[in-house]
């Protein structure tokens, strides 16, 4: 599965409880720019950049997959420059926890 495919399939792997009460727009600058709209436990993925994202995440495709799978430590990725964020840093810290890793593993 590619990073773009994972983001498109995020409704299948989103931990709705972890995302409850969260409303935000996240733009992922990958090999293809994609943005997601989170709205109280639901998520929509849209191709292209967001008009006014709350958070922009710049990360390599493989690193995004590793981050969501729990194979890449988010803090280490940030400190080493493998992931760069602009905007709502508190939201960035929550990203990996929004993915249900068991459901993600079942998709792979």
Protein backbone atom coordinates (compact mmCIF):
# COMPACT_ATOMS: atom_id res chain seq x y z
CA UNK A 1 0.00 0.00 0.00
CA UNK A 2 1.29 3.46 -0.86
CA UNK A 3 1.05 6.48 1.44
CA UNK A 4 -1.57 8.01 -0.86
CA UNK A 5 -3.65 4.81 -0.74
CA UNK A 6 -3.39 4.73 3.04
CA UNK A 7 -4.64 8.29 3.35
CA UNK A 8 -7.51 7.51 0.94
CA UNK A 9 -8.44 4.50 3.10
CA UNK A 10 -8.14 6.40 6.38
CA UNK A 11 -11.88 6.05 7.12
CA UNK A 12 -11.24 2.30 7.44
CA UNK A 13 -8.38 2.66 9.92
CA UNK A 14 -9.28 5.81 11.84
CA UNK A 15 -9.67 5.32 15.57
CA UNK A 16 -12.97 7.20 15.79
CA UNK A 17 -12.78 7.42 19.57
CA UNK A 18 -9.33 9.05 19.43
CA UNK A 19 -10.62 11.48 16.79
CA UNK A 20 -13.86 12.33 18.62
CA UNK A 21 -14.24 16.07 19.16
CA UNK A 22 -11.44 16.86 16.71
CA UNK A 23 -12.16 19.21 13.83
CA UNK A 24 -9.17 20.08 11.66
CA UNK A 25 -7.75 20.13 8.16
CA UNK A 26 -4.39 18.41 7.67
CA UNK A 27 -2.36 18.72 4.50
CA UNK A 28 0.21 16.04 3.71
CA UNK A 29 3.00 17.10 1.36
CA UNK A 30 4.04 13.72 -0.01
CA UNK A 31 4.94 12.69 -3.55
CA UNK A 32 1.29 13.70 -4.15
CA UNK A 33 -0.25 16.44 -1.99
CA UNK A 34 -3.38 15.28 -0.19
CA UNK A 35 -5.42 16.82 2.57
CA UNK A 36 -7.81 15.41 5.11
CA UNK A 37 -10.74 16.97 6.86
CA UNK A 38 -11.32 15.54 10.34
CA UNK A 39 -14.74 16.19 11.84
CA UNK A 40 -15.68 14.64 15.19
CA UNK A 41 -14.56 11.07 14.55
CA UNK A 42 -14.95 11.08 10.76
CA UNK A 43 -12.38 11.80 8.06
CA UNK A 44 -12.50 12.71 4.37
CA UNK A 45 -9.43 12.62 2.13
CA UNK A 46 -9.20 15.02 -0.79
CA UNK A 47 -6.53 15.15 -3.49
CA UNK A 48 -4.55 18.37 -3.70
CA UNK A 49 -3.66 21.11 -1.25
CA UNK A 50 -6.07 22.53 1.32
CA UNK A 51 -7.15 26.15 1.15
CA UNK A 52 -6.37 26.89 4.81
CA UNK A 53 -4.93 23.84 6.61
CA UNK A 54 -4.56 23.76 10.37
CA UNK A 55 -1.47 21.61 9.93
CA UNK A 56 0.93 20.90 7.07
CA UNK A 57 3.02 17.73 7.32
CA UNK A 58 6.02 17.29 5.02
CA UNK A 59 7.19 13.70 5.05
CA UNK A 60 8.45 11.06 2.64
CA UNK A 61 5.86 8.51 1.59
CA UNK A 62 7.68 5.57 3.21
CA UNK A 63 8.14 7.50 6.43
CA UNK A 64 4.42 8.28 6.64
CA UNK A 65 3.63 4.58 6.30
CA UNK A 66 6.20 3.72 8.97
CA UNK A 67 4.86 6.43 11.29
CA UNK A 68 1.27 5.20 11.08
CA UNK A 69 2.37 1.57 11.46
CA UNK A 70 4.27 2.43 14.63
CA UNK A 71 7.63 1.62 13.07
CA UNK A 72 8.91 5.22 13.19
CA UNK A 73 9.08 7.16 16.43
CA UNK A 74 7.29 10.49 15.83
CA UNK A 75 9.59 12.52 18.10
CA UNK A 76 12.74 11.04 16.57
CA UNK A 77 11.37 11.67 13.06
CA UNK A 78 10.71 15.31 13.97
CA UNK A 79 14.08 15.81 15.66
CA UNK A 80 15.99 14.31 12.72
CA UNK A 81 14.05 16.26 10.09
CA UNK A 82 12.34 13.23 8.57
CA UNK A 83 9.04 14.95 9.27
CA UNK A 84 8.45 18.67 9.22
CA UNK A 85 5.31 20.33 10.45
CA UNK A 86 3.86 23.79 10.16
CA UNK A 87 0.81 24.91 12.05
CA UNK A 88 -0.91 23.17 14.96
CA UNK A 89 1.94 21.23 16.62
CA UNK A 90 -0.40 19.71 19.23
CA UNK A 91 -2.41 18.19 16.40
CA UNK A 92 0.78 16.87 14.81
CA UNK A 93 1.61 15.08 18.06
CA UNK A 94 -1.76 13.28 17.92
CA UNK A 95 -1.56 12.05 14.32
CA UNK A 96 -0.11 8.59 14.92
CA UNK A 97 -2.65 7.92 17.70
CA UNK A 98 -5.54 8.49 15.28
CA UNK A 99 -4.74 5.27 13.41
CA UNK A 100 -5.99 1.90 14.64
CA UNK A 101 -2.87 -0.16 13.93
CA UNK A 102 -4.71 -3.50 14.05
CA UNK A 103 -7.08 -2.37 11.30
CA UNK A 104 -4.15 -0.92 9.35
CA UNK A 105 -2.28 -4.23 9.56
CA UNK A 106 -5.37 -6.04 8.28
CA UNK A 107 -5.40 -3.81 5.17
CA UNK A 108 -1.79 -4.55 4.24
